[in-house]
């Protein structure tokens, strides 16, 4: 059982990095398509939200 937990811990960080990168790419693509939208103000809120979600996922 312990080895399964260790394996999950090894798998998680790259998945989180991929999610963060995909969100950043989506934000930059959105800013490119809709230059009138100010995404800078939303990036901090999205980062806080993602950190809360990720910490919840890691804890569980």
N, C-alpha and C. Protein backbone atom coordinates (compact mmCIF):
# COMPACT_ATOMS: atom_id res chain seq x y z
N UNK A 1 0.83 -1.20 0.00
CA UNK A 1 0.00 0.00 0.00
C UNK A 1 0.87 1.26 0.00
N UNK A 2 1.95 1.23 0.76
CA UNK A 2 2.82 2.40 0.83
C UNK A 2 3.45 2.70 -0.53
N UNK A 3 3.82 1.64 -1.25
CA UNK A 3 4.44 1.86 -2.56
C UNK A 3 3.43 2.49 -3.53
N UNK A 4 2.16 2.15 -3.39
CA UNK A 4 1.12 2.75 -4.23
C UNK A 4 1.01 4.24 -3.94
N UNK A 5 1.05 4.61 -2.67
CA UNK A 5 0.99 6.02 -2.29
C UNK A 5 2.20 6.76 -2.83
N UNK A 6 3.39 6.16 -2.71
CA UNK A 6 4.59 6.78 -3.23
C UNK A 6 4.49 6.97 -4.74
N UNK A 7 3.96 5.98 -5.43
CA UNK A 7 3.82 6.09 -6.88
C UNK A 7 2.87 7.22 -7.23
N UNK A 8 1.78 7.38 -6.49
CA UNK A 8 0.85 8.47 -6.77
C UNK A 8 1.51 9.82 -6.54
N UNK A 9 2.31 9.92 -5.49
CA UNK A 9 2.99 11.18 -5.22
C UNK A 9 4.00 11.50 -6.33
N UNK A 10 4.62 10.49 -6.88
CA UNK A 10 5.56 10.71 -7.97
C UNK A 10 4.83 11.15 -9.24
N UNK A 11 3.61 10.69 -9.41
CA UNK A 11 2.88 10.99 -10.65
C UNK A 11 2.25 12.39 -10.58
N UNK A 12 1.86 12.83 -9.42
CA UNK A 12 1.06 14.05 -9.33
C UNK A 12 1.74 15.34 -9.81
N UNK A 13 2.96 15.67 -9.39
CA UNK A 13 3.49 16.98 -9.76
C UNK A 13 3.53 17.26 -11.27
N UNK A 14 3.96 16.33 -12.12
CA UNK A 14 3.96 16.65 -13.54
C UNK A 14 2.55 16.92 -14.07
N UNK A 15 1.56 16.21 -13.55
CA UNK A 15 0.19 16.45 -13.99
C UNK A 15 -0.24 17.87 -13.62
N UNK A 16 0.11 18.30 -12.42
CA UNK A 16 -0.24 19.65 -11.99
C UNK A 16 0.47 20.68 -12.85
N UNK A 17 1.74 20.43 -13.18
CA UNK A 17 2.49 21.36 -14.03
C UNK A 17 1.83 21.46 -15.40
N UNK A 18 1.40 20.33 -15.93
CA UNK A 18 0.75 20.34 -17.25
C UNK A 18 -0.55 21.13 -17.18
N UNK A 19 -1.31 20.97 -16.10
CA UNK A 19 -2.56 21.71 -15.95
C UNK A 19 -2.30 23.21 -15.88
N UNK A 20 -1.29 23.60 -15.10
CA UNK A 20 -0.97 25.03 -14.97
C UNK A 20 -0.53 25.59 -16.32
N UNK A 21 0.32 24.84 -17.03
CA UNK A 21 0.78 25.31 -18.33
C UNK A 21 -0.38 25.42 -19.32
N UNK A 22 -1.29 24.46 -19.29
CA UNK A 22 -2.41 24.52 -20.23
C UNK A 22 -3.31 25.71 -19.91
N UNK A 23 -3.49 26.01 -18.63
CA UNK A 23 -4.30 27.18 -18.27
C UNK A 23 -3.60 28.46 -18.72
N UNK A 24 -2.28 28.53 -18.53
CA UNK A 24 -1.54 29.71 -18.97
C UNK A 24 -1.62 29.87 -20.49
N UNK A 25 -1.51 28.75 -21.22
CA UNK A 25 -1.62 28.81 -22.67
C UNK A 25 -3.02 29.26 -23.08
N UNK A 26 -4.03 28.77 -22.38
CA UNK A 26 -5.41 29.15 -22.69
C UNK A 26 -5.61 30.65 -22.45
N UNK A 27 -5.05 31.15 -21.35
CA UNK A 27 -5.18 32.58 -21.06
C UNK A 27 -4.48 33.42 -22.12
N UNK A 28 -3.29 33.01 -22.54
CA UNK A 28 -2.58 33.79 -23.54
C UNK A 28 -3.29 33.72 -24.89
N UNK A 29 -3.86 32.54 -25.19
CA UNK A 29 -4.62 32.42 -26.44
C UNK A 29 -5.87 33.30 -26.38
N UNK A 30 -6.53 33.34 -25.25
CA UNK A 30 -7.71 34.18 -25.08
C UNK A 30 -7.34 35.65 -25.25
N UNK A 31 -6.21 36.04 -24.68
CA UNK A 31 -5.76 37.43 -24.80
C UNK A 31 -5.41 37.76 -26.25
N UNK A 32 -4.90 36.77 -26.98
CA UNK A 32 -4.55 36.99 -28.38
C UNK A 32 -5.81 37.14 -29.23
N UNK A 33 -6.80 36.28 -28.96
CA UNK A 33 -8.03 36.31 -29.76
C UNK A 33 -8.87 37.53 -29.40
N UNK A 34 -8.94 37.85 -28.12
CA UNK A 34 -9.75 38.98 -27.66
C UNK A 34 -8.86 39.99 -26.96
N UNK A 35 -8.18 40.84 -27.71
CA UNK A 35 -7.24 41.78 -27.09
C UNK A 35 -7.92 42.80 -26.18
N UNK A 36 -9.23 42.95 -26.33
CA UNK A 36 -9.94 43.91 -25.47
C UNK A 36 -10.10 43.39 -24.05
N UNK A 37 -10.00 42.06 -23.88
CA UNK A 37 -10.15 41.48 -22.55
C UNK A 37 -8.84 41.65 -21.78
N UNK A 38 -8.96 42.18 -20.57
CA UNK A 38 -7.77 42.35 -19.74
C UNK A 38 -7.60 41.10 -18.88
N UNK A 39 -6.70 40.21 -19.29
CA UNK A 39 -6.52 38.97 -18.54
C UNK A 39 -5.55 39.14 -17.38
N UNK A 40 -4.81 40.25 -17.34
CA UNK A 40 -3.84 40.42 -16.26
C UNK A 40 -4.52 40.47 -14.90
N UNK A 41 -5.67 41.11 -14.83
CA UNK A 41 -6.38 41.20 -13.56
C UNK A 41 -6.92 39.86 -13.11
N UNK A 42 -7.19 38.97 -14.06
CA UNK A 42 -7.78 37.69 -13.72
C UNK A 42 -6.72 36.62 -13.44
N UNK A 43 -5.49 36.84 -13.88
CA UNK A 43 -4.47 35.80 -13.71
C UNK A 43 -4.21 35.50 -12.25
N UNK A 44 -4.18 36.54 -11.41
CA UNK A 44 -3.93 36.30 -9.99
C UNK A 44 -5.07 35.52 -9.36
N UNK A 45 -6.30 35.87 -9.72
CA UNK A 45 -7.44 35.15 -9.15
C UNK A 45 -7.45 33.70 -9.61
N UNK A 46 -7.13 33.49 -10.88
CA UNK A 46 -7.11 32.12 -11.39
C UNK A 46 -5.98 31.33 -10.72
N UNK A 47 -4.84 31.96 -10.52
CA UNK A 47 -3.72 31.27 -9.86
C UNK A 47 -4.10 30.88 -8.43
N UNK A 48 -4.77 31.78 -7.72
CA UNK A 48 -5.21 31.46 -6.35
C UNK A 48 -6.21 30.32 -6.37
N UNK A 49 -7.15 30.38 -7.30
CA UNK A 49 -8.15 29.33 -7.41
C UNK A 49 -7.50 27.99 -7.71
N UNK A 50 -6.57 27.99 -8.67
CA UNK A 50 -5.90 26.74 -9.03
C UNK A 50 -5.08 26.20 -7.87
N UNK A 51 -4.41 27.07 -7.13
CA UNK A 51 -3.61 26.58 -6.00
C UNK A 51 -4.51 25.95 -4.94
N UNK A 52 -5.70 26.53 -4.73
CA UNK A 52 -6.64 25.94 -3.77
C UNK A 52 -7.11 24.57 -4.26
N UNK A 53 -7.46 24.49 -5.55
CA UNK A 53 -7.92 23.22 -6.10
C UNK A 53 -6.83 22.17 -6.02
N UNK A 54 -5.59 22.56 -6.40
CA UNK A 54 -4.50 21.60 -6.41
C UNK A 54 -4.18 21.13 -5.00
N UNK A 55 -4.18 22.04 -4.03
CA UNK A 55 -3.89 21.63 -2.65
C UNK A 55 -4.98 20.68 -2.15
N UNK A 56 -6.23 20.93 -2.54
CA UNK A 56 -7.32 20.03 -2.16
C UNK A 56 -7.12 18.66 -2.78
N UNK A 57 -6.73 18.62 -4.06
CA UNK A 57 -6.51 17.35 -4.74
C UNK A 57 -5.35 16.58 -4.12
N UNK A 58 -4.28 17.30 -3.79
CA UNK A 58 -3.11 16.63 -3.22
C UNK A 58 -3.43 16.10 -1.83
N UNK A 59 -4.18 16.87 -1.05
CA UNK A 59 -4.53 16.42 0.31
C UNK A 59 -5.41 15.18 0.26
N UNK A 60 -6.26 15.09 -0.72
CA UNK A 60 -7.15 13.92 -0.83
C UNK A 60 -6.53 12.95 -1.79
